[in-house]
Amino acid sequence: MSKPAKTHQEQLDLWKSRGLVVPDEPLALHILAHHNYYRLSAYRFPYTLPGQPDVFRPGATFDQLWNLYHFDRSLRQLLLEACKRVEISARTQWAYVTSHRLGPLGYLENAHFSDPLTHARTLVKLDSEMNRSNEEFVKHHKQKLGMPWPPAWVIAEVASFGNVSHLIGQLREPSLRQAIADAYQLDEKTFCSLLHHLSVVRNTAAHHSRIWNRKFTIALQLPRKKPPHLHANFHQPPGTEPARCLYNTLVLILHLVHCIEPASHLPIRLIRILRDVNAARLPDMGFPPDWETRPIWDALLTATPGKDAHP
C-alpha cells in the first residue's frame, strides 16, 4: 500500500493543513476515534472548493462537518423506523389479501406470479429466513403441525422487506396488487415501485450508509392520478432525476405513515430534523426552494414549534 495508516492526530492535522478550522481539537480527536475518518470524509464535500475536494472553503469548520454527519444519522434512523412501519403494514396487507383470494398457501403456487424464476428465488430466500428464525411459531408449524410451509399470515412475520416487495410486485393478477395498494390510496404500479425503492432505502439506512444526498439506484414511480392531494408536493424540475433523490421519497413516506398510523409523531420528528440542518443542504436532497409552502409540509411546519438550524 502506498498510503500508510495515520493516527487520529495525523488525520486531523491533514484536514487542518487543507484549511479546515478545528475549534475544539480534543472533541474532534474523540469523534475520529469513534467514527471512521474515511466515513466522515464523505461529509466534507459541501465545505470544499468546487472541483477541489481536498481544499476546504475559507472558514469551513469541523463542527459543520460533524453537524452534517449528525443530521444524516438522525435522518437515517428516522427513515429506518418509517420503513419498518411500512414493511410490517405491507406484510399484513399481503398476507390478508393473498390468503383470502389465493388460499393460505397460495403464495407457493408458481402460477400466481408473473416471473417463475423470481418467484422460485423468493421461495428459496423465504425458506432460508425460516430456517434462521428462532421464533416459536415457526417451530410450532414445522415440528408440531408438520407444515414445511406455514400459511401466509405466518410466513409474513419472517419475510424480509425485499421478499415482501417481490411477493407483492410479482403477483400476476393486477387486481390482487391493487387490493393491497388500496390500503395506501395508491395505484398498484406506483405502490409496487415504491416498495422496491423503499427496500433499498431501508437497506441503505440499516447498513449505516450516507443517505441525505444519495442518488438511489432504484428510482420510484411518482403517482400520476391518485391520491390527487399529493401532486402539489412533488418536485420534478426538468433535466433532473427527482425520483432518485430523497425529497419525493420523504413525501411518499409521510403519506404512507399517515395511512398506516394517522396519530404517529414521526412526521413531526422529521420536521424537527430538517430544521436542525443548514437550509443550504436541502437542495442536495431534491428539496424545491418553496418546499415549506407546499401543503404536506406547510401543515407540519405550522403544527411544529421552530428550532434554530446548525451552521
Protein backbone atom coordinates (compact mmCIF):
# COMPACT_ATOMS: atom_id res chain seq x y z
CA MET A 1 0.00 0.00 0.00
CA SER A 2 1.24 3.47 -0.89
CA LYS A 3 -0.80 5.06 1.92
CA PRO A 4 0.33 4.22 5.46
CA ALA A 5 -2.18 4.18 8.31
CA LYS A 6 -2.47 7.53 10.09
CA THR A 7 -3.06 8.23 13.75
CA HIS A 8 -6.12 10.25 14.73
CA GLN A 9 -3.89 13.27 15.28
CA GLU A 10 -2.34 12.85 11.83
CA GLN A 11 -5.81 12.56 10.28
CA LEU A 12 -6.91 15.77 11.94
CA ASP A 13 -3.67 17.57 11.06
CA LEU A 14 -4.19 16.61 7.41
CA TRP A 15 -7.59 18.27 7.39
CA LYS A 16 -6.19 21.31 9.15
CA SER A 17 -3.42 21.58 6.53
CA ARG A 18 -6.15 21.67 3.89
CA GLY A 19 -7.87 24.61 5.54
CA LEU A 20 -10.34 23.06 7.98
CA VAL A 21 -10.83 25.09 11.17
CA VAL A 22 -10.99 22.92 14.31
CA PRO A 23 -12.39 24.94 17.26
CA ASP A 24 -12.30 22.03 19.73
CA GLU A 25 -9.40 19.71 18.94
CA PRO A 26 -9.93 17.24 21.84
CA LEU A 27 -13.56 16.78 20.77
CA ALA A 28 -12.55 16.32 17.13
CA LEU A 29 -9.99 13.67 18.12
CA HIS A 30 -12.60 11.88 20.23
CA ILE A 31 -15.02 11.87 17.27
CA LEU A 32 -12.35 10.48 14.96
CA ALA A 33 -11.60 7.74 17.49
CA HIS A 34 -15.21 6.53 17.31
CA HIS A 35 -16.24 7.43 13.76
CA ASN A 36 -14.02 6.29 10.93
CA TYR A 37 -12.05 9.10 9.26
CA TYR A 38 -12.98 7.70 5.85
CA ARG A 39 -16.68 7.72 6.81
CA LEU A 40 -16.52 11.34 7.97
CA SER A 41 -14.65 12.34 4.81
CA ALA A 42 -17.81 11.82 2.76
CA TYR A 43 -19.41 14.75 4.60
CA ARG A 44 -16.68 17.25 3.74
CA PHE A 45 -17.72 17.91 0.14
CA PRO A 46 -20.24 20.73 0.82
CA TYR A 47 -17.41 22.54 2.61
CA THR A 48 -14.68 22.15 -0.01
CA LEU A 49 -13.98 24.28 -3.07
CA PRO A 50 -15.70 23.32 -6.35
CA GLY A 51 -13.55 20.80 -8.21
CA GLN A 52 -11.07 20.69 -5.31
CA PRO A 53 -12.35 18.10 -2.82
CA ASP A 54 -9.14 18.32 -0.76
CA VAL A 55 -9.27 22.09 -0.24
CA PHE A 56 -11.74 23.43 2.31
CA ARG A 57 -13.64 26.65 1.76
CA PRO A 58 -12.38 29.59 3.83
CA GLY A 59 -13.91 29.43 7.29
CA ALA A 60 -15.10 25.81 6.99
CA THR A 61 -15.09 24.15 10.41
CA PHE A 62 -15.01 20.65 11.81
CA ASP A 63 -18.24 21.49 13.63
CA GLN A 64 -20.03 21.99 10.29
CA LEU A 65 -18.85 18.62 9.04
CA TRP A 66 -19.85 16.93 12.29
CA ASN A 67 -23.28 18.61 12.34
CA LEU A 68 -23.96 17.37 8.81
CA TYR A 69 -22.93 13.86 9.86
CA HIS A 70 -25.22 14.10 12.90
CA PHE A 71 -28.11 15.28 10.70
CA ASP A 72 -27.58 12.36 8.33
CA ARG A 73 -27.51 9.90 11.23
CA SER A 74 -30.75 11.27 12.69
CA LEU A 75 -32.41 11.19 9.27
CA ARG A 76 -31.18 7.66 8.67
CA GLN A 77 -32.61 6.44 11.99
CA LEU A 78 -35.98 8.02 11.26
CA LEU A 79 -36.10 6.55 7.76
CA LEU A 80 -35.29 3.12 9.12
CA GLU A 81 -38.13 3.39 11.61
CA ALA A 82 -40.54 4.59 8.91
CA CYS A 83 -39.55 1.76 6.57
CA LYS A 84 -40.14 -0.75 9.35
CA ARG A 85 -43.69 0.52 9.76
CA VAL A 86 -44.29 0.29 6.01
CA GLU A 87 -42.75 -3.19 5.95
CA ILE A 88 -44.99 -4.54 8.72
CA SER A 89 -48.06 -2.98 7.15
CA ALA A 90 -47.23 -4.31 3.67
CA ARG A 91 -46.63 -7.78 5.12
CA THR A 92 -50.04 -7.64 6.79
CA GLN A 93 -51.87 -6.44 3.68
CA TRP A 94 -50.16 -9.07 1.50
CA ALA A 95 -50.96 -11.91 3.89
CA TYR A 96 -54.59 -10.86 4.29
CA VAL A 97 -55.32 -10.33 0.59
CA THR A 98 -53.49 -13.37 -0.77
CA SER A 99 -54.70 -15.81 1.89
CA HIS A 100 -58.31 -14.82 1.19
CA ARG A 101 -58.00 -14.69 -2.59
CA LEU A 102 -55.48 -17.49 -3.24
CA GLY A 103 -55.69 -19.56 -0.07
CA PRO A 104 -53.34 -19.70 2.95
CA LEU A 105 -50.62 -21.44 0.89
CA GLY A 106 -51.37 -19.71 -2.40
CA TYR A 107 -48.06 -17.86 -2.22
CA LEU A 108 -46.33 -21.18 -3.04
CA GLU A 109 -48.11 -21.57 -6.38
CA ASN A 110 -45.87 -20.54 -9.25
CA ALA A 111 -48.87 -19.87 -11.49
CA HIS A 112 -49.91 -16.88 -9.35
CA PHE A 113 -46.68 -14.99 -10.13
CA SER A 114 -45.54 -13.29 -13.32
CA ASP A 115 -41.90 -14.39 -13.25
CA PRO A 116 -41.47 -18.07 -12.26
CA LEU A 117 -37.71 -17.75 -11.76
CA THR A 118 -38.00 -14.71 -9.49
CA HIS A 119 -40.75 -16.47 -7.54
CA ALA A 120 -38.60 -19.58 -7.11
CA ARG A 121 -35.70 -17.49 -5.86
CA THR A 122 -38.01 -15.70 -3.44
CA LEU A 123 -39.17 -19.02 -2.01
CA VAL A 124 -35.54 -20.10 -1.54
CA LYS A 125 -34.89 -16.89 0.41
CA LEU A 126 -38.07 -17.34 2.45
CA ASP A 127 -37.02 -20.88 3.33
CA SER A 128 -33.63 -19.59 4.44
CA GLU A 129 -35.31 -16.91 6.58
CA MET A 130 -37.50 -19.56 8.22
CA ASN A 131 -34.51 -21.78 8.93
CA ARG A 132 -32.64 -18.87 10.56
CA SER A 133 -35.62 -17.89 12.67
CA ASN A 134 -35.73 -18.84 16.34
CA GLU A 135 -39.39 -17.86 16.66
CA GLU A 136 -41.54 -20.42 18.47
CA PHE A 137 -44.37 -20.03 15.98
CA VAL A 138 -42.08 -21.20 13.16
CA LYS A 139 -41.03 -24.27 15.16
CA HIS A 140 -44.68 -24.93 16.05
CA HIS A 141 -45.78 -25.08 12.43
CA LYS A 142 -42.80 -27.09 11.20
CA GLN A 143 -42.34 -29.54 14.08
CA LYS A 144 -45.73 -29.89 15.80
CA LEU A 145 -48.04 -29.32 12.85
CA GLY A 146 -45.74 -30.91 10.28
CA MET A 147 -46.04 -27.98 7.89
CA PRO A 148 -42.84 -27.32 5.91
CA TRP A 149 -44.50 -24.11 4.73
CA PRO A 150 -46.81 -22.21 7.10
CA PRO A 151 -49.82 -20.12 5.98
CA ALA A 152 -49.27 -16.65 4.55
CA TRP A 153 -50.02 -14.85 7.81
CA VAL A 154 -47.19 -16.79 9.48
CA ILE A 155 -44.59 -16.51 6.72
CA ALA A 156 -45.27 -12.76 6.67
CA GLU A 157 -43.67 -12.49 10.11
CA VAL A 158 -40.28 -13.73 8.91
CA ALA A 159 -40.22 -12.34 5.34
CA SER A 160 -37.70 -9.56 4.68
CA PHE A 161 -38.71 -6.24 3.13
CA GLY A 162 -37.15 -7.30 -0.16
CA ASN A 163 -39.09 -10.55 -0.25
CA VAL A 164 -42.35 -8.81 0.63
CA SER A 165 -41.69 -6.41 -2.24
CA HIS A 166 -41.22 -9.37 -4.62
CA LEU A 167 -44.24 -11.27 -3.30
CA ILE A 168 -46.45 -8.25 -4.00
CA GLY A 169 -44.81 -6.90 -7.13
CA GLN A 170 -44.65 -10.29 -8.84
CA LEU A 171 -48.33 -11.16 -8.35
CA ARG A 172 -49.68 -11.97 -11.79
CA GLU A 173 -53.19 -10.61 -11.22
CA PRO A 174 -53.29 -6.76 -11.16
CA SER A 175 -56.46 -6.78 -9.06
CA LEU A 176 -54.57 -8.53 -6.25
CA ARG A 177 -51.82 -5.92 -6.33
CA GLN A 178 -54.44 -3.17 -6.40
CA ALA A 179 -56.33 -4.67 -3.45
CA ILE A 180 -53.12 -4.31 -1.44
CA ALA A 181 -52.31 -0.83 -2.77
CA ASP A 182 -55.83 0.39 -1.93
CA ALA A 183 -54.86 0.43 1.73
CA TYR A 184 -52.46 3.26 0.84
CA GLN A 185 -54.68 5.09 -1.69
CA LEU A 186 -52.15 4.40 -4.44
CA ASP A 187 -52.21 2.84 -7.88
CA GLU A 188 -50.74 -0.67 -7.76
CA LYS A 189 -47.88 0.12 -10.16
CA THR A 190 -46.87 3.13 -8.09
CA PHE A 191 -47.11 1.15 -4.86
CA CYS A 192 -45.01 -1.76 -6.16
CA SER A 193 -42.38 0.67 -7.43
CA LEU A 194 -42.39 2.46 -4.07
CA LEU A 195 -41.98 -0.81 -2.13
CA HIS A 196 -38.97 -1.76 -4.24
CA HIS A 197 -37.47 1.70 -3.77
CA LEU A 198 -38.08 1.68 -0.01
CA SER A 199 -36.46 -1.74 0.35
CA VAL A 200 -33.28 -0.12 -1.00
CA VAL A 201 -33.71 2.92 1.28
CA ARG A 202 -34.22 0.60 4.24
CA ASN A 203 -31.10 -1.44 3.46
CA THR A 204 -29.05 1.72 2.97
CA ALA A 205 -30.16 3.06 6.34
CA ALA A 206 -29.73 -0.30 8.08
CA HIS A 207 -26.11 -0.52 6.91
CA HIS A 208 -25.34 2.95 8.31
CA SER A 209 -24.60 4.36 4.84
CA ARG A 210 -24.76 8.05 3.96
CA ILE A 211 -28.29 8.89 2.90
CA TRP A 212 -29.01 12.62 2.95
CA ASN A 213 -27.75 13.43 -0.59
CA ARG A 214 -27.69 9.94 -2.08
CA LYS A 215 -28.96 9.34 -5.61
CA PHE A 216 -30.70 5.98 -5.27
CA THR A 217 -30.06 3.32 -7.90
CA ILE A 218 -33.70 2.19 -7.76
CA ALA A 219 -35.91 5.12 -8.74
CA LEU A 220 -39.53 5.30 -7.66
CA GLN A 221 -42.51 5.89 -9.89
CA LEU A 222 -44.34 9.01 -8.78
CA PRO A 223 -48.15 8.84 -8.56
CA ARG A 224 -49.89 10.24 -11.64
CA LYS A 225 -53.55 10.17 -10.63
CA LYS A 226 -54.13 9.16 -7.05
CA PRO A 227 -54.15 10.35 -4.45
CA PRO A 228 -54.65 13.77 -6.13
CA HIS A 229 -53.82 15.75 -2.99
CA LEU A 230 -50.19 14.56 -3.14
CA HIS A 231 -49.39 16.02 -6.57
CA ALA A 232 -48.74 19.55 -5.33
CA ASN A 233 -45.99 18.27 -3.04
CA PHE A 234 -43.74 16.52 -5.57
CA HIS A 235 -40.72 18.20 -7.12
CA GLN A 236 -39.96 17.38 -10.75
CA PRO A 237 -37.62 20.02 -12.20
CA PRO A 238 -36.78 19.48 -15.89
CA GLY A 239 -33.48 17.80 -16.70
CA THR A 240 -33.10 16.13 -13.29
CA GLU A 241 -33.89 12.77 -11.74
CA PRO A 242 -36.17 13.70 -8.81
CA ALA A 243 -37.26 10.10 -8.40
CA ARG A 244 -33.72 9.20 -7.29
CA CYS A 245 -33.42 11.95 -4.66
CA LEU A 246 -34.74 11.74 -1.13
CA TYR A 247 -37.27 14.59 -1.24
CA ASN A 248 -40.05 12.78 -3.13
CA THR A 249 -39.32 9.65 -1.09
CA LEU A 250 -39.98 11.65 2.08
CA VAL A 251 -43.28 12.97 0.68
CA LEU A 252 -44.47 9.44 -0.03
CA ILE A 253 -43.22 8.16 3.35
CA LEU A 254 -45.27 10.87 5.07
CA HIS A 255 -48.29 9.74 3.08
CA LEU A 256 -47.74 6.06 3.92
CA VAL A 257 -47.22 6.75 7.61
CA HIS A 258 -50.46 8.75 7.67
CA CYS A 259 -52.30 5.81 6.08
CA ILE A 260 -50.77 3.31 8.50
CA GLU A 261 -50.73 5.31 11.73
CA PRO A 262 -52.51 8.70 11.46
CA ALA A 263 -51.58 9.74 15.00
CA SER A 264 -47.86 9.00 14.59
CA HIS A 265 -45.36 11.61 15.75
CA LEU A 266 -42.89 10.55 13.07
CA PRO A 267 -43.79 13.44 10.68
CA ILE A 268 -43.21 15.98 13.47
CA ARG A 269 -39.86 14.38 14.24
CA LEU A 270 -38.90 14.65 10.57
CA ILE A 271 -39.68 18.37 10.58
CA ARG A 272 -37.50 18.86 13.64
CA ILE A 273 -34.63 17.01 11.96
CA LEU A 274 -34.97 19.15 8.82
CA ARG A 275 -34.97 22.31 10.92
CA ASP A 276 -31.75 21.15 12.55
CA VAL A 277 -29.66 21.45 9.38
CA ASN A 278 -28.50 24.37 7.28
CA ALA A 279 -31.11 25.08 4.58
CA ALA A 280 -28.29 25.15 2.03
CA ARG A 281 -28.04 21.37 2.34
CA LEU A 282 -31.68 20.67 1.41
CA PRO A 283 -31.37 21.19 -2.39
CA ASP A 284 -28.88 18.31 -2.47
CA MET A 285 -31.74 16.13 -1.24
CA GLY A 286 -34.02 17.33 -4.05
CA PHE A 287 -35.96 19.83 -1.93
CA PRO A 288 -37.52 22.64 -4.02
CA PRO A 289 -36.95 26.26 -2.93
CA ASP A 290 -40.60 26.61 -1.91
CA TRP A 291 -40.91 23.28 -0.10
CA GLU A 292 -42.12 24.90 3.13
CA THR A 293 -45.20 26.31 1.36
CA ARG A 294 -46.27 23.02 -0.18
CA PRO A 295 -49.36 21.55 1.55
CA ILE A 296 -47.92 18.46 3.24
CA TRP A 297 -45.01 20.42 4.72
CA ASP A 298 -46.91 23.64 5.49
CA ALA A 299 -49.34 21.74 7.71
CA LEU A 300 -46.48 20.09 9.61
CA LEU A 301 -44.45 23.28 9.97
CA THR A 302 -47.46 25.13 11.32
CA ALA A 303 -48.00 22.42 13.92
CA THR A 304 -44.36 22.19 14.98
CA PRO A 305 -42.51 24.72 17.17
CA GLY A 306 -39.48 26.25 15.45
CA LYS A 307 -35.86 25.39 16.14
CA ASP A 308 -32.67 27.10 15.03
CA ALA A 309 -30.59 25.22 12.48
CA HIS A 310 -26.93 24.41 12.82
CA PRO A 311 -24.49 26.39 10.64
